[in-house]
């Protein structure tokens, strides 16, 4: 059998150039997509959450266009291909209902904006600081620095609690004093501590409140209701608990611990046993 080397060389060159062209298109598409995503995410006037979402969307669109161009390199009719892809899209959509629901949920999260990048949120049994909102999932970092990737449908399908969206938060601190303590003196002592704390919000309707909240088994529970900036929530709470405890000790006001009274009905029988 005669082998026409010239025809083989032409064939190799023909397909080699097409393969090289396809690789170049894919590489350029990937680089351009990454560059566009980076440019969108670095727009200062654009919200971080929207920037992250739009950046990823733009990259995927560019990659899809690049893939169509690659198929064109190999002689595939893109017009008919799009028609076939449209027909196959329904079947793929049915097979990937979960994935598509994540995209739909991500779109709703972006539109309604229950949280943004940098917010601390909780949904279901998951809580953490949002680092990214993508097409398919939301990325979180927990308080103990664990990475969490939550599908958008999971986030959207649960009640979302955003702890940092509002700039101010209220908190209640409970202090127990003994039944023999002077409540008015305890109130005055706690109030003196609050006056020294300049991180409290003192606007109308948000002034500190001190009141008796409960008559417990071994203590009278005093509730201290205060408002602080969200960023100061835990720091102020920890500092106040320490300061109030020290001031109550100085003023001789007891903070009791649970006690039990044991009554022996028949002490003689106890001794005999």
C-alpha atoms as a PDB file:
ATOM      1  CA  UNK A   1       0.000   0.000   0.000  1.00  0.00           C
ATOM      2  CA  UNK A   2       1.436   3.354  -1.051  1.00  0.00           C
ATOM      3  CA  UNK A   3       1.727   5.946   1.673  1.00  0.00           C
ATOM      4  CA  UNK A   4       1.455   9.520   0.562  1.00  0.00           C
ATOM      5  CA  UNK A   5       3.671  11.295   3.066  1.00  0.00           C
ATOM      6  CA  UNK A   6       2.773  14.656   1.624  1.00  0.00           C
ATOM      7  CA  UNK A   7      -0.922  14.147   2.359  1.00  0.00           C
ATOM      8  CA  UNK A   8      -0.126  12.938   5.877  1.00  0.00           C
ATOM      9  CA  UNK A   9       2.041  15.988   6.501  1.00  0.00           C
ATOM     10  CA  UNK A  10      -0.691  18.289   5.258  1.00  0.00           C
ATOM     11  CA  UNK A  11      -3.185  16.532   7.524  1.00  0.00           C
ATOM     12  CA  UNK A  12      -0.891  16.767  10.533  1.00  0.00           C
ATOM     13  CA  UNK A  13      -0.191  20.439   9.883  1.00  0.00           C
ATOM     14  CA  UNK A  14      -3.903  21.140   9.323  1.00  0.00           C
ATOM     15  CA  UNK A  15      -5.067  19.553  12.593  1.00  0.00           C
ATOM     16  CA  UNK A  16      -1.963  20.635  14.482  1.00  0.00           C
ATOM     17  CA  UNK A  17      -2.642  24.265  13.703  1.00  0.00           C
ATOM     18  CA  UNK A  18      -6.281  23.867  14.730  1.00  0.00           C
ATOM     19  CA  UNK A  19      -5.310  22.213  18.026  1.00  0.00           C
ATOM     20  CA  UNK A  20      -2.749  24.919  18.720  1.00  0.00           C
ATOM     21  CA  UNK A  21      -5.330  27.581  17.864  1.00  0.00           C
ATOM     22  CA  UNK A  22      -7.872  25.931  20.183  1.00  0.00           C
ATOM     23  CA  UNK A  23      -5.343  25.848  23.024  1.00  0.00           C
ATOM     24  CA  UNK A  24      -4.500  29.500  22.452  1.00  0.00           C
ATOM     25  CA  UNK A  25      -8.205  30.419  22.509  1.00  0.00           C
ATOM     26  CA  UNK A  26      -8.732  28.521  25.769  1.00  0.00           C
ATOM     27  CA  UNK A  27      -5.665  30.061  27.422  1.00  0.00           C
ATOM     28  CA  UNK A  28      -6.578  33.565  26.271  1.00  0.00           C
ATOM     29  CA  UNK A  29     -10.188  33.022  27.367  1.00  0.00           C
ATOM     30  CA  UNK A  30      -9.052  31.865  30.809  1.00  0.00           C
ATOM     31  CA  UNK A  31      -6.620  34.786  31.206  1.00  0.00           C
ATOM     32  CA  UNK A  32      -9.131  37.353  29.964  1.00  0.00           C
ATOM     33  CA  UNK A  33     -11.873  35.895  32.187  1.00  0.00           C
ATOM     34  CA  UNK A  34      -9.610  36.021  35.244  1.00  0.00           C
ATOM     35  CA  UNK A  35      -8.529  39.576  34.391  1.00  0.00           C
ATOM     36  CA  UNK A  36     -12.120  40.777  33.918  1.00  0.00           C
ATOM     37  CA  UNK A  37     -13.178  39.131  37.186  1.00  0.00           C
ATOM     38  CA  UNK A  38     -10.282  40.785  39.007  1.00  0.00           C
ATOM     39  CA  UNK A  39     -11.098  44.191  37.517  1.00  0.00           C
ATOM     40  CA  UNK A  40     -14.761  43.931  38.492  1.00  0.00           C
ATOM     41  CA  UNK A  41     -13.964  42.780  42.033  1.00  0.00           C
ATOM     42  CA  UNK A  42     -11.531  45.681  42.489  1.00  0.00           C
ATOM     43  CA  UNK A  43     -14.048  48.390  41.572  1.00  0.00           C
ATOM     44  CA  UNK A  44     -14.140  50.487  44.753  1.00  0.00           C
ATOM     45  CA  UNK A  45     -17.587  51.984  44.135  1.00  0.00           C
ATOM     46  CA  UNK A  46     -19.128  48.522  43.744  1.00  0.00           C
ATOM     47  CA  UNK A  47     -20.349  46.563  46.751  1.00  0.00           C
ATOM     48  CA  UNK A  48     -18.049  43.628  47.554  1.00  0.00           C
ATOM     49  CA  UNK A  49     -20.839  41.071  47.406  1.00  0.00           C
ATOM     50  CA  UNK A  50     -22.111  42.283  44.024  1.00  0.00           C
ATOM     51  CA  UNK A  51     -18.537  42.606  42.727  1.00  0.00           C
ATOM     52  CA  UNK A  52     -17.737  39.012  43.672  1.00  0.00           C
ATOM     53  CA  UNK A  53     -20.937  37.689  42.071  1.00  0.00           C
ATOM     54  CA  UNK A  54     -20.610  39.719  38.847  1.00  0.00           C
ATOM     55  CA  UNK A  55     -16.902  38.932  38.565  1.00  0.00           C
ATOM     56  CA  UNK A  56     -17.494  35.181  38.659  1.00  0.00           C
ATOM     57  CA  UNK A  57     -20.452  35.477  36.267  1.00  0.00           C
ATOM     58  CA  UNK A  58     -18.361  37.440  33.744  1.00  0.00           C
ATOM     59  CA  UNK A  59     -15.569  34.862  33.882  1.00  0.00           C
ATOM     60  CA  UNK A  60     -17.961  31.964  33.223  1.00  0.00           C
ATOM     61  CA  UNK A  61     -19.531  33.794  30.268  1.00  0.00           C
ATOM     62  CA  UNK A  62     -16.105  34.463  28.711  1.00  0.00           C
ATOM     63  CA  UNK A  63     -15.112  30.827  29.199  1.00  0.00           C
ATOM     64  CA  UNK A  64     -18.361  29.689  27.540  1.00  0.00           C
ATOM     65  CA  UNK A  65     -17.706  31.959  24.538  1.00  0.00           C
ATOM     66  CA  UNK A  66     -14.153  30.623  24.337  1.00  0.00           C
ATOM     67  CA  UNK A  67     -15.446  27.040  24.304  1.00  0.00           C
ATOM     68  CA  UNK A  68     -17.817  27.822  21.439  1.00  0.00           C
ATOM     69  CA  UNK A  69     -14.916  29.405  19.533  1.00  0.00           C
ATOM     70  CA  UNK A  70     -12.797  26.289  20.121  1.00  0.00           C
ATOM     71  CA  UNK A  71     -15.518  24.073  18.697  1.00  0.00           C
ATOM     72  CA  UNK A  72     -15.633  26.371  15.664  1.00  0.00           C
ATOM     73  CA  UNK A  73     -11.931  25.680  15.152  1.00  0.00           C
ATOM     74  CA  UNK A  74     -12.736  22.037  14.546  1.00  0.00           C
ATOM     75  CA  UNK A  75     -15.451  22.769  12.005  1.00  0.00           C
ATOM     76  CA  UNK A  76     -18.402  22.399  14.319  1.00  0.00           C
ATOM     77  CA  UNK A  77     -21.295  24.568  13.139  1.00  0.00           C
ATOM     78  CA  UNK A  78     -21.910  26.794  16.145  1.00  0.00           C
ATOM     79  CA  UNK A  79     -25.410  27.766  15.000  1.00  0.00           C
ATOM     80  CA  UNK A  80     -26.580  24.173  14.922  1.00  0.00           C
ATOM     81  CA  UNK A  81     -24.545  23.508  18.041  1.00  0.00           C
ATOM     82  CA  UNK A  82     -26.443  26.190  19.935  1.00  0.00           C
ATOM     83  CA  UNK A  83     -29.709  24.625  18.842  1.00  0.00           C
ATOM     84  CA  UNK A  84     -28.545  21.218  20.041  1.00  0.00           C
ATOM     85  CA  UNK A  85     -27.270  22.746  23.279  1.00  0.00           C
ATOM     86  CA  UNK A  86     -30.643  24.414  23.789  1.00  0.00           C
ATOM     87  CA  UNK A  87     -32.404  21.082  23.373  1.00  0.00           C
ATOM     88  CA  UNK A  88     -29.905  19.363  25.636  1.00  0.00           C
ATOM     89  CA  UNK A  89     -30.145  22.201  28.139  1.00  0.00           C
ATOM     90  CA  UNK A  90     -33.564  21.019  29.287  1.00  0.00           C
ATOM     91  CA  UNK A  91     -32.286  17.510  29.992  1.00  0.00           C
ATOM     92  CA  UNK A  92     -29.191  18.867  31.706  1.00  0.00           C
ATOM     93  CA  UNK A  93     -31.321  21.266  33.715  1.00  0.00           C
ATOM     94  CA  UNK A  94     -33.470  18.433  34.971  1.00  0.00           C
ATOM     95  CA  UNK A  95     -30.371  16.437  35.879  1.00  0.00           C
ATOM     96  CA  UNK A  96     -28.787  19.412  37.623  1.00  0.00           C
ATOM     97  CA  UNK A  97     -31.777  20.779  39.471  1.00  0.00           C
ATOM     98  CA  UNK A  98     -29.747  21.163  42.660  1.00  0.00           C
ATOM     99  CA  UNK A  99     -27.001  23.133  40.912  1.00  0.00           C
ATOM    100  CA  UNK A 100     -29.462  25.394  39.121  1.00  0.00           C
ATOM    101  CA  UNK A 101     -31.347  25.982  42.362  1.00  0.00           C
ATOM    102  CA  UNK A 102     -28.065  27.166  43.868  1.00  0.00           C
ATOM    103  CA  UNK A 103     -27.685  29.680  41.039  1.00  0.00           C
ATOM    104  CA  UNK A 104     -31.285  30.869  41.491  1.00  0.00           C
ATOM    105  CA  UNK A 105     -30.800  31.118  45.262  1.00  0.00           C
ATOM    106  CA  UNK A 106     -27.551  33.040  44.758  1.00  0.00           C
ATOM    107  CA  UNK A 107     -29.365  35.481  42.485  1.00  0.00           C
ATOM    108  CA  UNK A 108     -32.086  36.049  45.100  1.00  0.00           C
ATOM    109  CA  UNK A 109     -29.480  36.532  47.834  1.00  0.00           C
ATOM    110  CA  UNK A 110     -27.786  39.116  45.645  1.00  0.00           C
ATOM    111  CA  UNK A 111     -31.048  40.954  44.911  1.00  0.00           C
ATOM    112  CA  UNK A 112     -32.525  40.961  48.425  1.00  0.00           C
ATOM    113  CA  UNK A 113     -29.156  41.342  50.163  1.00  0.00           C
ATOM    114  CA  UNK A 114     -29.814  39.772  53.601  1.00  0.00           C
ATOM    115  CA  UNK A 115     -26.046  39.890  54.125  1.00  0.00           C
ATOM    116  CA  UNK A 116     -22.866  41.090  52.481  1.00  0.00           C
ATOM    117  CA  UNK A 117     -19.193  40.190  52.459  1.00  0.00           C
ATOM    118  CA  UNK A 118     -17.781  40.818  55.935  1.00  0.00           C
ATOM    119  CA  UNK A 119     -21.057  40.230  57.813  1.00  0.00           C
ATOM    120  CA  UNK A 120     -21.335  37.613  60.552  1.00  0.00           C
ATOM    121  CA  UNK A 121     -24.396  35.462  59.860  1.00  0.00           C
ATOM    122  CA  UNK A 122     -26.070  32.301  61.096  1.00  0.00           C
ATOM    123  CA  UNK A 123     -28.381  29.944  59.189  1.00  0.00           C
ATOM    124  CA  UNK A 124     -29.444  26.446  60.142  1.00  0.00           C
ATOM    125  CA  UNK A 125     -26.613  25.304  62.452  1.00  0.00           C
ATOM    126  CA  UNK A 126     -23.872  27.210  60.595  1.00  0.00           C
ATOM    127  CA  UNK A 127     -22.375  30.552  61.584  1.00  0.00           C
ATOM    128  CA  UNK A 128     -19.422  32.590  60.381  1.00  0.00           C
ATOM    129  CA  UNK A 129     -18.132  35.689  58.620  1.00  0.00           C
ATOM    130  CA  UNK A 130     -19.049  35.835  54.917  1.00  0.00           C
ATOM    131  CA  UNK A 131     -15.959  35.971  52.697  1.00  0.00           C
ATOM    132  CA  UNK A 132     -17.600  35.431  49.295  1.00  0.00           C
ATOM    133  CA  UNK A 133     -20.978  34.956  47.610  1.00  0.00           C
ATOM    134  CA  UNK A 134     -20.635  32.975  44.371  1.00  0.00           C
ATOM    135  CA  UNK A 135     -22.959  31.538  41.749  1.00  0.00           C
ATOM    136  CA  UNK A 136     -23.180  28.191  43.501  1.00  0.00           C
ATOM    137  CA  UNK A 137     -22.302  28.750  47.143  1.00  0.00           C
ATOM    138  CA  UNK A 138     -21.491  31.081  50.011  1.00  0.00           C
ATOM    139  CA  UNK A 139     -18.086  30.932  51.687  1.00  0.00           C
ATOM    140  CA  UNK A 140     -17.718  31.521  55.439  1.00  0.00           C
ATOM    141  CA  UNK A 141     -14.966  31.614  58.035  1.00  0.00           C
ATOM    142  CA  UNK A 142     -16.070  30.497  61.520  1.00  0.00           C
ATOM    143  CA  UNK A 143     -14.919  32.154  64.746  1.00  0.00           C
ATOM    144  CA  UNK A 144     -12.391  29.342  65.256  1.00  0.00           C
ATOM    145  CA  UNK A 145     -11.047  29.912  61.705  1.00  0.00           C
ATOM    146  CA  UNK A 146     -12.684  26.968  59.929  1.00  0.00           C
ATOM    147  CA  UNK A 147     -13.623  27.297  56.258  1.00  0.00           C
ATOM    148  CA  UNK A 148     -17.260  26.584  55.351  1.00  0.00           C
ATOM    149  CA  UNK A 149     -18.707  26.305  51.835  1.00  0.00           C
ATOM    150  CA  UNK A 150     -22.506  26.352  51.973  1.00  0.00           C
ATOM    151  CA  UNK A 151     -24.629  25.773  48.837  1.00  0.00           C
ATOM    152  CA  UNK A 152     -26.745  28.847  48.149  1.00  0.00           C
ATOM    153  CA  UNK A 153     -29.954  26.806  48.248  1.00  0.00           C
ATOM    154  CA  UNK A 154     -29.113  25.785  51.827  1.00  0.00           C
ATOM    155  CA  UNK A 155     -28.574  29.396  52.832  1.00  0.00           C
ATOM    156  CA  UNK A 156     -31.683  30.671  51.054  1.00  0.00           C
ATOM    157  CA  UNK A 157     -33.858  27.858  52.408  1.00  0.00           C
ATOM    158  CA  UNK A 158     -33.225  28.727  56.057  1.00  0.00           C
ATOM    159  CA  UNK A 159     -33.810  31.649  58.374  1.00  0.00           C
ATOM    160  CA  UNK A 160     -30.791  33.962  58.173  1.00  0.00           C
ATOM    161  CA  UNK A 161     -29.644  35.923  61.222  1.00  0.00           C
ATOM    162  CA  UNK A 162     -27.256  38.795  60.481  1.00  0.00           C
ATOM    163  CA  UNK A 163     -25.430  39.919  63.642  1.00  0.00           C
ATOM    164  CA  UNK A 164     -23.417  42.759  62.109  1.00  0.00           C
ATOM    165  CA  UNK A 165     -25.819  44.415  59.684  1.00  0.00           C
ATOM    166  CA  UNK A 166     -27.074  46.896  62.279  1.00  0.00           C
ATOM    167  CA  UNK A 167     -24.489  49.263  63.721  1.00  0.00           C
ATOM    168  CA  UNK A 168     -25.784  48.996  67.299  1.00  0.00           C
ATOM    169  CA  UNK A 169     -26.925  46.048  69.417  1.00  0.00           C
ATOM    170  CA  UNK A 170     -28.701  45.654  72.743  1.00  0.00           C
ATOM    171  CA  UNK A 171     -27.586  43.177  75.358  1.00  0.00           C
ATOM    172  CA  UNK A 172     -28.766  42.113  78.803  1.00  0.00           C
ATOM    173  CA  UNK A 173     -26.337  41.275  81.582  1.00  0.00           C
ATOM    174  CA  UNK A 174     -27.710  39.414  84.615  1.00  0.00           C
ATOM    175  CA  UNK A 175     -26.110  39.951  88.032  1.00  0.00           C
ATOM    176  CA  UNK A 176     -27.228  37.908  91.041  1.00  0.00           C
ATOM    177  CA  UNK A 177     -27.014  39.348  94.582  1.00  0.00           C
ATOM    178  CA  UNK A 178     -27.946  37.734  97.875  1.00  0.00           C
ATOM    179  CA  UNK A 179     -31.378  38.217  99.459  1.00  0.00           C
ATOM    180  CA  UNK A 180     -29.761  40.029 102.374  1.00  0.00           C
ATOM    181  CA  UNK A 181     -28.145  42.679 100.151  1.00  0.00           C
ATOM    182  CA  UNK A 182     -29.380  46.269  99.903  1.00  0.00           C
ATOM    183  CA  UNK A 183     -30.854  46.431  96.404  1.00  0.00           C
ATOM    184  CA  UNK A 184     -30.730  50.231  96.213  1.00  0.00           C
ATOM    185  CA  UNK A 185     -27.046  50.136  97.099  1.00  0.00           C
ATOM    186  CA  UNK A 186     -26.449  47.427  94.477  1.00  0.00           C
ATOM    187  CA  UNK A 187     -28.259  49.541  91.878  1.00  0.00           C
ATOM    188  CA  UNK A 188     -26.113  52.559  92.762  1.00  0.00           C
ATOM    189  CA  UNK A 189     -22.896  50.531  92.566  1.00  0.00           C
ATOM    190  CA  UNK A 190     -23.774  49.108  89.142  1.00  0.00           C
ATOM    191  CA  UNK A 191     -24.860  52.544  87.896  1.00  0.00           C
ATOM    192  CA  UNK A 192     -21.505  54.019  88.938  1.00  0.00           C
ATOM    193  CA  UNK A 193     -19.736  51.376  86.854  1.00  0.00           C
ATOM    194  CA  UNK A 194     -21.927  52.156  83.844  1.00  0.00           C
ATOM    195  CA  UNK A 195     -21.191  55.881  84.118  1.00  0.00           C
ATOM    196  CA  UNK A 196     -17.473  55.157  83.740  1.00  0.00           C
ATOM    197  CA  UNK A 197     -17.988  53.133  80.570  1.00  0.00           C
ATOM    198  CA  UNK A 198     -17.814  55.565  77.629  1.00  0.00           C
ATOM    199  CA  UNK A 199     -18.500  52.884  74.972  1.00  0.00           C
ATOM    200  CA  UNK A 200     -22.186  52.655  75.872  1.00  0.00           C
ATOM    201  CA  UNK A 201     -24.806  54.197  73.577  1.00  0.00           C
ATOM    202  CA  UNK A 202     -26.630  56.941  75.490  1.00  0.00           C
ATOM    203  CA  UNK A 203     -29.115  58.199  72.877  1.00  0.00           C
ATOM    204  CA  UNK A 204     -32.813  58.664  73.672  1.00  0.00           C
ATOM    205  CA  UNK A 205     -34.529  55.321  74.151  1.00  0.00           C
ATOM    206  CA  UNK A 206     -31.238  53.472  74.520  1.00  0.00           C
ATOM    207  CA  UNK A 207     -30.136  54.616  77.961  1.00  0.00           C
ATOM    208  CA  UNK A 208     -28.889  51.887  80.357  1.00  0.00           C
ATOM    209  CA  UNK A 209     -31.616  50.237  82.445  1.00  0.00           C
ATOM    210  CA  UNK A 210     -31.104  48.509  85.808  1.00  0.00           C
ATOM    211  CA  UNK A 211     -34.008  46.465  87.178  1.00  0.00           C
ATOM    212  CA  UNK A 212     -34.862  43.370  89.225  1.00  0.00           C
ATOM    213  CA  UNK A 213     -35.509  40.603  86.716  1.00  0.00           C
ATOM    214  CA  UNK A 214     -36.095  37.521  88.849  1.00  0.00           C
ATOM    215  CA  UNK A 215     -36.329  36.160  92.392  1.00  0.00           C
ATOM    216  CA  UNK A 216     -34.191  33.050  92.089  1.00  0.00           C
ATOM    217  CA  UNK A 217     -33.646  30.119  94.450  1.00  0.00           C
ATOM    218  CA  UNK A 218     -30.582  31.666  96.064  1.00  0.00           C
ATOM    219  CA  UNK A 219     -30.274  35.153  94.568  1.00  0.00           C
ATOM    220  CA  UNK A 220     -32.095  38.255  93.452  1.00  0.00           C
ATOM    221  CA  UNK A 221     -31.277  38.635  89.755  1.00  0.00           C
ATOM    222  CA  UNK A 222     -30.605  42.174  88.563  1.00  0.00           C
ATOM    223  CA  UNK A 223     -30.823  42.774  84.829  1.00  0.00           C
ATOM    224  CA  UNK A 224     -28.540  45.412  83.298  1.00  0.00           C
ATOM    225  CA  UNK A 225     -29.779  46.372  79.825  1.00  0.00           C
ATOM    226  CA  UNK A 226     -27.348  48.358  77.681  1.00  0.00           C
ATOM    227  CA  UNK A 227     -26.735  49.332  74.057  1.00  0.00           C
ATOM    228  CA  UNK A 228     -23.330  49.285  72.377  1.00  0.00           C
ATOM    229  CA  UNK A 229     -21.822  49.478  68.926  1.00  0.00           C
ATOM    230  CA  UNK A 230     -21.913  46.074  67.255  1.00  0.00           C
ATOM    231  CA  UNK A 231     -18.108  45.964  67.051  1.00  0.00           C
ATOM    232  CA  UNK A 232     -17.868  46.542  70.831  1.00  0.00           C
ATOM    233  CA  UNK A 233     -20.507  43.975  71.833  1.00  0.00           C
ATOM    234  CA  UNK A 234     -18.378  41.292  73.483  1.00  0.00           C
ATOM    235  CA  UNK A 235     -15.519  43.510  74.645  1.00  0.00           C
ATOM    236  CA  UNK A 236     -17.870  45.783  76.599  1.00  0.00           C
ATOM    237  CA  UNK A 237     -19.718  42.779  78.033  1.00  0.00           C
ATOM    238  CA  UNK A 238     -16.519  41.179  79.337  1.00  0.00           C
ATOM    239  CA  UNK A 239     -15.174  44.445  80.739  1.00  0.00           C
ATOM    240  CA  UNK A 240     -18.447  45.297  82.490  1.00  0.00           C
ATOM    241  CA  UNK A 241     -18.791  41.887  84.124  1.00  0.00           C
ATOM    242  CA  UNK A 242     -15.313  42.234  85.599  1.00  0.00           C
ATOM    243  CA  UNK A 243     -15.821  45.842  86.710  1.00  0.00           C
ATOM    244  CA  UNK A 244     -19.258  45.184  88.287  1.00  0.00           C
ATOM    245  CA  UNK A 245     -17.958  42.156  90.193  1.00  0.00           C
ATOM    246  CA  UNK A 246     -15.027  44.170  91.591  1.00  0.00           C
ATOM    247  CA  UNK A 247     -17.245  47.120  92.603  1.00  0.00           C
ATOM    248  CA  UNK A 248     -19.823  44.898  94.304  1.00  0.00           C
ATOM    249  CA  UNK A 249     -17.026  43.244  96.299  1.00  0.00           C
ATOM    250  CA  UNK A 250     -15.698  46.663  97.366  1.00  0.00           C
ATOM    251  CA  UNK A 251     -19.129  47.765  98.531  1.00  0.00           C
ATOM    252  CA  UNK A 252     -19.686  44.535 100.481  1.00  0.00           C
ATOM    253  CA  UNK A 253     -22.528  43.259  98.302  1.00  0.00           C
ATOM    254  CA  UNK A 254     -22.535  39.473  98.130  1.00  0.00           C
ATOM    255  CA  UNK A 255     -22.874  37.552  94.890  1.00  0.00           C
ATOM    256  CA  UNK A 256     -24.218  34.204  96.187  1.00  0.00           C
ATOM    257  CA  UNK A 257     -23.744  30.701  94.905  1.00  0.00           C
ATOM    258  CA  UNK A 258     -26.413  27.948  95.064  1.00  0.00           C
ATOM    259  CA  UNK A 259     -26.781  26.393  98.515  1.00  0.00           C
ATOM    260  CA  UNK A 260     -28.784  23.441  99.862  1.00  0.00           C
ATOM    261  CA  UNK A 261     -30.256  22.992 103.361  1.00  0.00           C
ATOM    262  CA  UNK A 262     -30.255  19.411 104.640  1.00  0.00           C
ATOM    263  CA  UNK A 263     -32.897  18.575 107.264  1.00  0.00           C
ATOM    264  CA  UNK A 264     -32.404  15.332 109.226  1.00  0.00           C
ATOM    265  CA  UNK A 265     -35.786  14.018 110.415  1.00  0.00           C
ATOM    266  CA  UNK A 266     -34.507  11.185 112.615  1.00  0.00           C
ATOM    267  CA  UNK A 267     -30.874  11.833 113.665  1.00  0.00           C
ATOM    268  CA  UNK A 268     -30.822   8.820 116.059  1.00  0.00           C
ATOM    269  CA  UNK A 269     -31.611   6.387 113.244  1.00  0.00           C
ATOM    270  CA  UNK A 270     -28.849   7.975 111.173  1.00  0.00           C
ATOM    271  CA  UNK A 271     -26.297   7.428 113.964  1.00  0.00           C
ATOM    272  CA  UNK A 272     -27.339   3.799 114.467  1.00  0.00           C
ATOM    273  CA  UNK A 273     -26.962   3.053 110.775  1.00  0.00           C
END
